Amino acid sequence: MGQREQRACGARGTGRGADWRVPLAFAALAVAGGVDAFFARRREPPLPVAALLDESAHVATAALCLGAFHPDATPAFVAGAALGAVLIDADHLPKRLGWDLLTTATERPCTHAAATILAAFLVAMRVEGARRELALGAAFGLATHLARDTATGGDAGVPLLWPLTPRRLTLPYGLYAALLLLAWGAIVRRPRDDQPSPSM
C-alpha cells in the first residue's frame, strides 16, 4: 500500500470517532432548548421530573461549552464538568427539608455564587494530576450551571456575588440562547483534526 493510501485509511479510521462531535452538539442543543421550551409551555411538573429535565439541560449546556471552548479536555476534566454542572443543585435539599440556612438572605441557595467556583479553583491549586483536572472541570461545570440559572431562574436569579451582596443577578434568556448557538456553531465549524494534509 502506498503512502497516500495509508494516510487515507488512517484518516478514515480516526475520523469515525471525530464525526460524533457534530451530532452530539445537535443533541445537546436540542436537549437544552427542548427542556426550556417544555418549562415555558406548561406548569411546573412533579419535582422528580423537573429535576431530571433541568439537570439534563445543565449537562447539555456544559457539554456544548466544553466542545466549543475546551475541545481537548481530559477525561477527568470532562467528568468534573459534568459533576459540577449537576451536583451544585444539591444545595436545594436543605430548603426542601425545611432548613433555611442557605437561603436566609437569598431566594436561591447562597452557594449558587462565584465563591463556589473560586473554591473549586483553590482546591485545584492544592492537588495535582487527574485530581486537579477534576477540580478544574468542576469549576467549569459550576460556571456553566450559574450561567444557565441566571437566564432560566426567573425572578430568583443567582446571588452571584454572595457573600459580598445577596443581590440577585438575572440575564435575558436570549443571551443564554446566543451562548448555546455560538458554542454549537464553534463545534460544527471547527476543522477536523484527522483530515489528511494535502499531498505534495
Protein backbone atom coordinates (compact mmCIF):
# COMPACT_ATOMS: atom_id res chain seq x y z
CA MET A 1 0.00 0.00 0.00
CA GLY A 2 1.40 3.42 -0.97
CA GLN A 3 1.91 6.33 1.40
CA ARG A 4 -1.11 8.21 0.08
CA GLU A 5 -3.40 5.22 0.60
CA GLN A 6 -2.05 4.73 4.12
CA ARG A 7 -2.83 8.32 5.00
CA ALA A 8 -6.34 7.99 3.61
CA CYS A 9 -7.01 4.78 5.53
CA GLY A 10 -5.66 6.33 8.72
CA ALA A 11 -7.89 9.36 8.29
CA ARG A 12 -10.95 7.15 7.79
CA GLY A 13 -10.09 5.10 10.84
CA THR A 14 -9.59 8.02 13.21
CA GLY A 15 -12.33 10.16 11.72
CA ARG A 16 -15.03 7.74 12.76
CA GLY A 17 -14.86 8.95 16.36
CA ALA A 18 -14.38 12.61 15.48
CA ASP A 19 -17.58 12.56 13.40
CA TRP A 20 -19.62 12.15 16.60
CA ARG A 21 -18.95 15.69 17.77
CA VAL A 22 -21.45 17.29 15.36
CA PRO A 23 -24.44 15.02 16.14
CA LEU A 24 -23.60 15.25 19.84
CA ALA A 25 -23.62 19.04 19.57
CA PHE A 26 -27.01 18.88 17.84
CA ALA A 27 -28.30 16.58 20.57
CA ALA A 28 -27.04 18.82 23.38
CA LEU A 29 -28.59 21.89 21.76
CA ALA A 30 -31.87 20.04 21.29
CA VAL A 31 -31.92 18.89 24.92
CA ALA A 32 -31.23 22.35 26.36
CA GLY A 33 -33.69 24.09 24.05
CA GLY A 34 -36.31 21.38 24.37
CA VAL A 35 -36.26 21.43 28.16
CA ASP A 36 -36.64 25.20 28.25
CA ALA A 37 -39.48 25.08 25.73
CA PHE A 38 -41.19 22.43 27.87
CA PHE A 39 -40.95 24.55 31.01
CA ALA A 40 -42.15 27.65 29.15
CA ARG A 41 -45.30 25.99 27.83
CA ARG A 42 -46.62 24.13 30.83
CA ARG A 43 -46.87 24.45 34.57
CA GLU A 44 -44.27 23.10 36.93
CA PRO A 45 -44.16 19.31 36.55
CA PRO A 46 -43.64 16.98 39.54
CA LEU A 47 -40.35 17.66 41.30
CA PRO A 48 -38.55 14.46 40.17
CA VAL A 49 -39.47 15.16 36.55
CA ALA A 50 -38.49 18.81 36.79
CA ALA A 51 -35.18 17.92 38.41
CA LEU A 52 -34.34 15.31 35.76
CA LEU A 53 -35.15 17.70 32.92
CA ASP A 54 -33.32 20.64 34.45
CA GLU A 55 -30.17 18.67 35.22
CA SER A 56 -30.21 17.23 31.71
CA ALA A 57 -30.24 20.77 30.34
CA HIS A 58 -27.37 21.72 32.64
CA VAL A 59 -25.29 18.79 31.40
CA ALA A 60 -26.13 19.70 27.81
CA THR A 61 -25.03 23.29 28.43
CA ALA A 62 -21.74 22.16 29.93
CA ALA A 63 -21.19 19.74 27.03
CA LEU A 64 -21.72 22.45 24.42
CA CYS A 65 -19.40 24.86 26.20
CA LEU A 66 -16.77 22.14 26.60
CA GLY A 67 -16.92 21.26 22.94
CA ALA A 68 -16.59 24.90 21.95
CA PHE A 69 -14.10 26.28 24.45
CA HIS A 70 -12.10 23.26 25.63
CA PRO A 71 -12.38 20.53 22.99
CA ASP A 72 -9.16 18.84 24.14
CA ALA A 73 -10.30 18.42 27.74
CA THR A 74 -9.02 15.35 29.55
CA PRO A 75 -11.50 12.68 30.71
CA ALA A 76 -11.02 13.87 34.30
CA PHE A 77 -11.87 17.44 33.28
CA VAL A 78 -14.98 16.27 31.43
CA ALA A 79 -16.10 14.21 34.43
CA GLY A 80 -15.54 17.17 36.73
CA ALA A 81 -17.53 19.46 34.44
CA ALA A 82 -20.47 17.05 34.42
CA LEU A 83 -20.39 16.73 38.21
CA GLY A 84 -20.06 20.48 38.75
CA ALA A 85 -22.94 21.17 36.39
CA VAL A 86 -25.27 18.89 38.36
CA LEU A 87 -24.20 18.42 41.97
CA ILE A 88 -24.38 22.12 42.84
CA ASP A 89 -28.16 21.73 42.92
CA ALA A 90 -27.80 19.52 45.98
CA ASP A 91 -27.81 22.82 47.88
CA HIS A 92 -31.58 22.99 47.29
CA LEU A 93 -32.15 19.97 49.51
CA PRO A 94 -31.87 21.76 52.89
CA LYS A 95 -34.71 24.12 51.97
CA ARG A 96 -36.81 21.19 50.76
CA LEU A 97 -36.26 19.61 54.18
CA GLY A 98 -37.28 22.80 55.99
CA TRP A 99 -33.79 24.08 56.77
CA ASP A 100 -33.29 27.67 55.57
CA LEU A 101 -29.63 28.19 56.47
CA LEU A 102 -28.56 28.55 52.82
CA THR A 103 -31.50 30.77 51.90
CA THR A 104 -31.83 33.14 54.85
CA ALA A 105 -30.67 36.11 52.75
CA THR A 106 -31.31 34.81 49.23
CA GLU A 107 -34.15 33.05 47.45
CA ARG A 108 -31.79 30.69 45.65
CA PRO A 109 -29.16 28.98 47.87
CA CYS A 110 -26.25 31.30 48.58
CA THR A 111 -23.83 28.64 47.35
CA HIS A 112 -25.07 29.38 43.81
CA ALA A 113 -22.33 32.00 43.68
CA ALA A 114 -18.95 32.78 42.18
CA ALA A 115 -17.43 31.95 45.55
CA THR A 116 -18.20 28.28 44.92
CA ILE A 117 -16.35 28.42 41.61
CA LEU A 118 -13.43 30.09 43.38
CA ALA A 119 -13.43 27.32 45.98
CA ALA A 120 -13.14 24.71 43.23
CA PHE A 121 -10.19 26.62 41.76
CA LEU A 122 -8.50 26.76 45.16
CA VAL A 123 -8.90 23.01 45.52
CA ALA A 124 -7.38 22.57 42.06
CA MET A 125 -4.35 24.59 43.09
CA ARG A 126 -3.78 22.27 46.05
CA VAL A 127 -3.79 19.00 44.14
CA GLU A 128 -2.09 17.62 41.05
CA GLY A 129 -2.65 15.33 38.11
CA ALA A 130 -6.12 13.94 37.47
CA ARG A 131 -7.47 15.41 40.71
CA ARG A 132 -6.50 18.89 39.53
CA GLU A 133 -8.23 18.27 36.19
CA LEU A 134 -11.29 17.03 38.05
CA ALA A 135 -11.43 20.16 40.22
CA LEU A 136 -10.86 22.48 37.26
CA GLY A 137 -13.58 20.69 35.37
CA ALA A 138 -15.90 21.11 38.34
CA ALA A 139 -15.23 24.87 38.29
CA PHE A 140 -16.07 24.89 34.58
CA GLY A 141 -19.30 22.98 35.16
CA LEU A 142 -20.26 25.28 38.02
CA ALA A 143 -19.74 28.29 35.76
CA THR A 144 -21.99 26.90 33.04
CA HIS A 145 -24.59 25.98 35.65
CA LEU A 146 -24.72 29.52 37.02
CA ALA A 147 -24.79 30.97 33.51
CA ARG A 148 -27.89 28.92 32.76
CA ASP A 149 -29.55 29.73 36.09
CA THR A 150 -29.15 33.49 35.60
CA ALA A 151 -31.27 33.22 32.46
CA THR A 152 -33.74 30.48 33.42
CA GLY A 153 -34.24 31.01 37.14
CA GLY A 154 -36.97 33.61 36.80
CA ASP A 155 -37.04 36.33 39.43
CA ALA A 156 -34.95 34.19 41.80
CA GLY A 157 -31.86 34.88 39.73
CA VAL A 158 -28.46 33.95 41.13
CA PRO A 159 -26.75 35.55 44.18
CA LEU A 160 -23.54 35.62 42.14
CA LEU A 161 -21.59 37.98 44.40
CA TRP A 162 -22.57 36.45 47.73
CA PRO A 163 -21.26 36.94 50.44
CA LEU A 164 -20.38 40.46 49.29
CA THR A 165 -24.02 41.13 48.47
CA PRO A 166 -27.17 38.98 48.33
CA ARG A 167 -28.37 40.92 45.28
CA ARG A 168 -29.77 38.61 42.60
CA LEU A 169 -28.35 38.60 39.09
CA THR A 170 -30.68 37.83 36.20
CA LEU A 171 -29.96 37.92 32.47
CA PRO A 172 -32.26 37.76 29.45
CA TYR A 173 -32.84 34.27 28.15
CA GLY A 174 -31.73 35.46 24.74
CA LEU A 175 -28.15 35.85 25.97
CA TYR A 176 -28.09 32.25 27.18
CA ALA A 177 -29.61 31.05 23.92
CA ALA A 178 -26.99 33.03 21.99
CA LEU A 179 -24.23 31.39 24.04
CA LEU A 180 -25.57 27.94 23.15
CA LEU A 181 -25.82 28.80 19.47
CA LEU A 182 -22.31 30.27 19.41
CA ALA A 183 -20.94 27.18 21.13
CA TRP A 184 -22.79 24.90 18.72
CA GLY A 185 -21.52 26.89 15.76
CA ALA A 186 -17.94 26.73 17.01
CA ILE A 187 -18.15 22.96 17.29
CA VAL A 188 -19.72 22.45 13.88
CA ARG A 189 -17.32 24.80 12.09
CA ARG A 190 -14.12 23.57 13.72
CA PRO A 191 -11.93 21.71 11.18
CA ARG A 192 -11.45 18.05 11.91
CA ASP A 193 -8.00 17.26 13.28
CA ASP A 194 -7.89 13.95 11.43
CA GLN A 195 -8.25 15.35 7.93
CA PRO A 196 -5.30 14.25 5.81
CA SER A 197 -2.98 17.02 4.75
CA PRO A 198 -2.77 17.69 1.02
CA SER A 199 -0.14 15.56 -0.69
CA MET A 200 2.89 17.31 -2.04
